Amino acid sequence: MAISSLRTFLIATVGVFLLYCFSYWFVHAAISPAQEALLPGSVAFVSLAFLPSGVRIVSFMLFGWRAVPPILVGSLLCNHFFWAVQDVTLLLLLSTGSTLVFYLALQTSKLLGQSIFLADTLPRLPPFRTIILVTVVASALNGIISSAIFGSFDAYLNGGLLAIGYVLGDMLGTLCFMVILKSLFTFMNKQQIRI
């Protein structure tokens, strides 16, 4: 690996990690209190705009497998500090599951001929509806896996509102980051910056 590509890889890795952790903090510090004020007693682990899911999707779109390590490390730290997951086995299962299910959803879209990896769609952004579909599928699977790990599988599946809230929160989080990505592409096109 050349020095410039190593530098780019390190910058992207650190950037993804910091953005992921910041998005978790922002959900914890701003979105969750606002949600509690608007919807008192709403379920604690369902956010109406879960920004880390947007970071996951956009990071995997931009960097592919290279985004797995910083997302996984960020997930381990954030699940421990923000969700107070203390059990090491539970922490590893939850973090690995939530990281890989999103990455595998993107890989599946590629296998089905609807890739949303940026490397496959440049110079254009991937189709928006495909990004949303991949997010919904990944989010639903992540909810099932997380609920099974926490032992609340029946509550997740039988309480349809809980499952819908989980998926909607991930979808809104992804939409937020898609707006940012689209703005970045518009700026780069105006400035004639090439990736």
Protein backbone atom coordinates (compact mmCIF):
# COMPACT_ATOMS: atom_id res chain seq x y z
CA MET A 1 0.00 0.00 0.00
CA ALA A 2 1.44 3.36 -1.00
CA ILE A 3 1.93 6.06 1.63
CA SER A 4 -0.79 8.28 0.15
CA SER A 5 -3.31 5.41 0.09
CA LEU A 6 -2.30 4.45 3.64
CA ARG A 7 -2.83 8.07 4.72
CA THR A 8 -6.23 8.14 2.99
CA PHE A 9 -7.17 4.84 4.63
CA LEU A 10 -6.19 6.12 8.09
CA ILE A 11 -8.02 9.42 7.62
CA ALA A 12 -11.15 7.61 6.42
CA THR A 13 -10.94 5.11 9.29
CA VAL A 14 -10.51 7.76 11.97
CA GLY A 15 -13.15 9.95 10.32
CA VAL A 16 -15.74 7.15 10.19
CA PHE A 17 -15.01 6.20 13.81
CA LEU A 18 -15.32 9.79 15.07
CA LEU A 19 -18.46 10.48 13.03
CA TYR A 20 -20.06 7.27 14.27
CA CYS A 21 -19.28 8.07 17.92
CA PHE A 22 -20.43 11.68 17.49
CA SER A 23 -23.72 10.54 15.95
CA TYR A 24 -24.33 8.23 18.92
CA TRP A 25 -23.54 11.05 21.33
CA PHE A 26 -25.87 13.43 19.44
CA VAL A 27 -28.73 10.90 19.61
CA HIS A 28 -28.09 10.46 23.33
CA ALA A 29 -27.66 14.17 24.12
CA ALA A 30 -30.21 15.83 21.81
CA ILE A 31 -32.57 13.46 19.99
CA SER A 32 -33.46 11.19 22.92
CA PRO A 33 -34.33 14.07 25.31
CA ALA A 34 -36.42 15.73 22.58
CA GLN A 35 -38.15 12.43 21.87
CA GLU A 36 -38.86 11.91 25.57
CA ALA A 37 -40.31 15.44 25.83
CA LEU A 38 -42.55 14.89 22.79
CA LEU A 39 -43.44 11.25 23.52
CA PRO A 40 -43.11 10.64 27.28
CA GLY A 41 -42.44 7.02 28.12
CA SER A 42 -41.30 6.09 24.61
CA VAL A 43 -39.17 2.98 24.47
CA ALA A 44 -35.59 3.77 25.48
CA PHE A 45 -33.79 1.82 22.74
CA VAL A 46 -35.89 3.09 19.83
CA SER A 47 -34.86 6.48 18.46
CA LEU A 48 -37.05 8.34 16.01
CA ALA A 49 -33.91 9.43 14.14
CA PHE A 50 -31.08 7.00 14.84
CA LEU A 51 -28.16 8.74 13.15
CA PRO A 52 -25.59 5.92 13.65
CA SER A 53 -27.51 3.83 11.12
CA GLY A 54 -27.06 6.61 8.60
CA VAL A 55 -23.34 6.72 9.36
CA ARG A 56 -23.13 2.94 8.88
CA ILE A 57 -24.94 2.93 5.53
CA VAL A 58 -23.10 5.95 4.10
CA SER A 59 -19.70 4.72 5.38
CA PHE A 60 -20.22 1.29 3.83
CA MET A 61 -21.40 2.94 0.59
CA LEU A 62 -18.26 5.10 0.45
CA PHE A 63 -15.57 2.77 1.79
CA GLY A 64 -16.95 -0.78 1.53
CA TRP A 65 -15.28 -3.33 3.82
CA ARG A 66 -12.79 -0.68 5.01
CA ALA A 67 -15.56 0.88 7.10
CA VAL A 68 -16.18 -2.35 9.05
CA PRO A 69 -13.33 -1.94 11.62
CA PRO A 70 -14.10 1.68 12.64
CA ILE A 71 -17.86 0.99 12.77
CA LEU A 72 -17.29 -2.16 14.83
CA VAL A 73 -14.95 -0.43 17.30
CA GLY A 74 -17.31 2.55 17.49
CA SER A 75 -20.24 0.22 18.07
CA LEU A 76 -18.40 -1.57 20.89
CA LEU A 77 -17.59 1.71 22.64
CA CYS A 78 -20.99 3.31 22.10
CA ASN A 79 -22.99 0.25 23.13
CA HIS A 80 -20.91 0.12 26.31
CA PHE A 81 -21.05 3.83 27.20
CA PHE A 82 -24.45 4.92 25.86
CA TRP A 83 -26.50 1.72 26.31
CA ALA A 84 -24.58 0.57 29.42
CA VAL A 85 -24.01 -2.93 28.02
CA GLN A 86 -21.59 -4.39 30.56
CA ASP A 87 -21.54 -8.09 29.69
CA VAL A 88 -18.59 -8.64 27.31
CA THR A 89 -20.24 -11.49 25.37
CA LEU A 90 -23.45 -9.51 24.95
CA LEU A 91 -21.46 -6.44 23.91
CA LEU A 92 -19.50 -8.40 21.28
CA LEU A 93 -22.62 -10.10 19.90
CA LEU A 94 -24.63 -6.90 19.74
CA SER A 95 -21.86 -4.80 18.18
CA THR A 96 -20.75 -7.42 15.68
CA GLY A 97 -24.33 -8.24 14.70
CA SER A 98 -25.35 -4.62 14.15
CA THR A 99 -22.20 -3.88 12.14
CA LEU A 100 -22.25 -6.96 9.93
CA VAL A 101 -25.97 -7.03 9.21
CA PHE A 102 -25.75 -3.60 7.57
CA TYR A 103 -22.62 -4.48 5.60
CA LEU A 104 -24.10 -7.81 4.46
CA ALA A 105 -27.29 -6.04 3.36
CA LEU A 106 -25.18 -3.86 1.06
CA GLN A 107 -23.32 -6.92 -0.23
CA THR A 108 -26.64 -8.66 -0.89
CA SER A 109 -27.87 -5.66 -2.88
CA LYS A 110 -24.70 -5.94 -4.97
CA LEU A 111 -25.28 -9.67 -5.57
CA LEU A 112 -28.82 -8.87 -6.70
CA GLY A 113 -27.49 -6.36 -9.25
CA GLN A 114 -28.64 -3.29 -7.29
CA SER A 115 -25.37 -2.23 -5.68
CA ILE A 116 -25.34 0.90 -3.57
CA PHE A 117 -21.56 0.86 -3.11
CA LEU A 118 -20.32 4.15 -4.51
CA ALA A 119 -17.45 2.42 -6.31
CA ASP A 120 -20.07 0.59 -8.42
CA THR A 121 -22.24 3.62 -9.21
CA LEU A 122 -19.82 6.50 -9.79
CA PRO A 123 -20.07 9.12 -11.19
CA ARG A 124 -23.65 9.05 -9.87
CA LEU A 125 -25.02 8.38 -6.42
CA PRO A 126 -26.77 5.02 -6.02
CA PRO A 127 -30.55 5.01 -6.59
CA PHE A 128 -32.22 6.56 -3.57
CA ARG A 129 -35.03 3.99 -3.38
CA THR A 130 -32.47 1.17 -3.31
CA ILE A 131 -30.61 2.84 -0.43
CA ILE A 132 -33.87 3.13 1.51
CA LEU A 133 -34.81 -0.49 0.75
CA VAL A 134 -31.40 -1.75 1.91
CA THR A 135 -31.71 0.38 5.07
CA VAL A 136 -35.18 -0.98 5.85
CA VAL A 137 -34.10 -4.61 5.33
CA ALA A 138 -30.88 -4.17 7.34
CA SER A 139 -32.72 -2.34 10.10
CA ALA A 140 -35.43 -4.98 10.40
CA LEU A 141 -32.81 -7.75 10.55
CA ASN A 142 -30.77 -5.74 13.05
CA GLY A 143 -33.86 -5.31 15.22
CA ILE A 144 -34.55 -9.04 15.15
CA ILE A 145 -30.92 -9.90 15.97
CA SER A 146 -30.67 -7.27 18.73
CA SER A 147 -33.98 -8.35 20.25
CA ALA A 148 -32.90 -11.98 20.20
CA ILE A 149 -29.60 -11.08 21.89
CA PHE A 150 -31.39 -9.04 24.58
CA GLY A 151 -34.09 -11.70 25.00
CA SER A 152 -36.88 -9.34 23.94
CA PHE A 153 -37.54 -11.10 20.62
CA ASP A 154 -41.26 -11.69 21.29
CA ALA A 155 -41.80 -8.08 22.33
CA TYR A 156 -40.10 -6.85 19.15
CA LEU A 157 -42.06 -9.05 16.77
CA ASN A 158 -45.42 -8.97 18.57
CA GLY A 159 -45.30 -5.27 19.35
CA GLY A 160 -45.49 -4.07 15.76
CA LEU A 161 -45.12 -0.43 16.79
CA LEU A 162 -41.76 -1.20 18.38
CA ALA A 163 -40.49 -2.84 15.19
CA ILE A 164 -41.87 -0.05 13.00
CA GLY A 165 -40.31 2.59 15.27
CA TYR A 166 -36.97 0.82 15.10
CA VAL A 167 -37.02 0.70 11.28
CA LEU A 168 -38.31 4.28 10.94
CA GLY A 169 -35.59 5.59 13.24
CA ASP A 170 -32.89 3.89 11.19
CA MET A 171 -34.47 5.10 7.96
CA LEU A 172 -34.66 8.72 9.17
CA GLY A 173 -31.06 8.51 10.37
CA THR A 174 -30.02 7.32 6.93
CA LEU A 175 -32.06 10.05 5.22
CA CYS A 176 -30.21 12.69 7.28
CA PHE A 177 -26.84 11.43 6.10
CA MET A 178 -28.03 11.01 2.51
CA VAL A 179 -28.91 14.71 2.46
CA ILE A 180 -25.38 15.48 3.67
CA LEU A 181 -23.86 13.13 1.06
CA LYS A 182 -25.96 14.65 -1.74
CA SER A 183 -24.90 18.15 -0.65
CA LEU A 184 -21.26 17.04 -0.65
CA PHE A 185 -21.58 15.67 -4.19
CA THR A 186 -23.29 18.86 -5.37
CA PHE A 187 -20.47 20.94 -3.87
CA MET A 188 -17.81 18.68 -5.42
CA ASN A 189 -19.47 18.91 -8.85
CA LYS A 190 -19.61 22.72 -8.65
CA GLN A 191 -15.96 22.87 -7.62
CA GLN A 192 -15.05 20.18 -10.21
CA ILE A 193 -13.51 17.98 -7.50
CA ARG A 194 -13.04 14.36 -8.58
CA ILE A 195 -12.98 11.36 -6.25
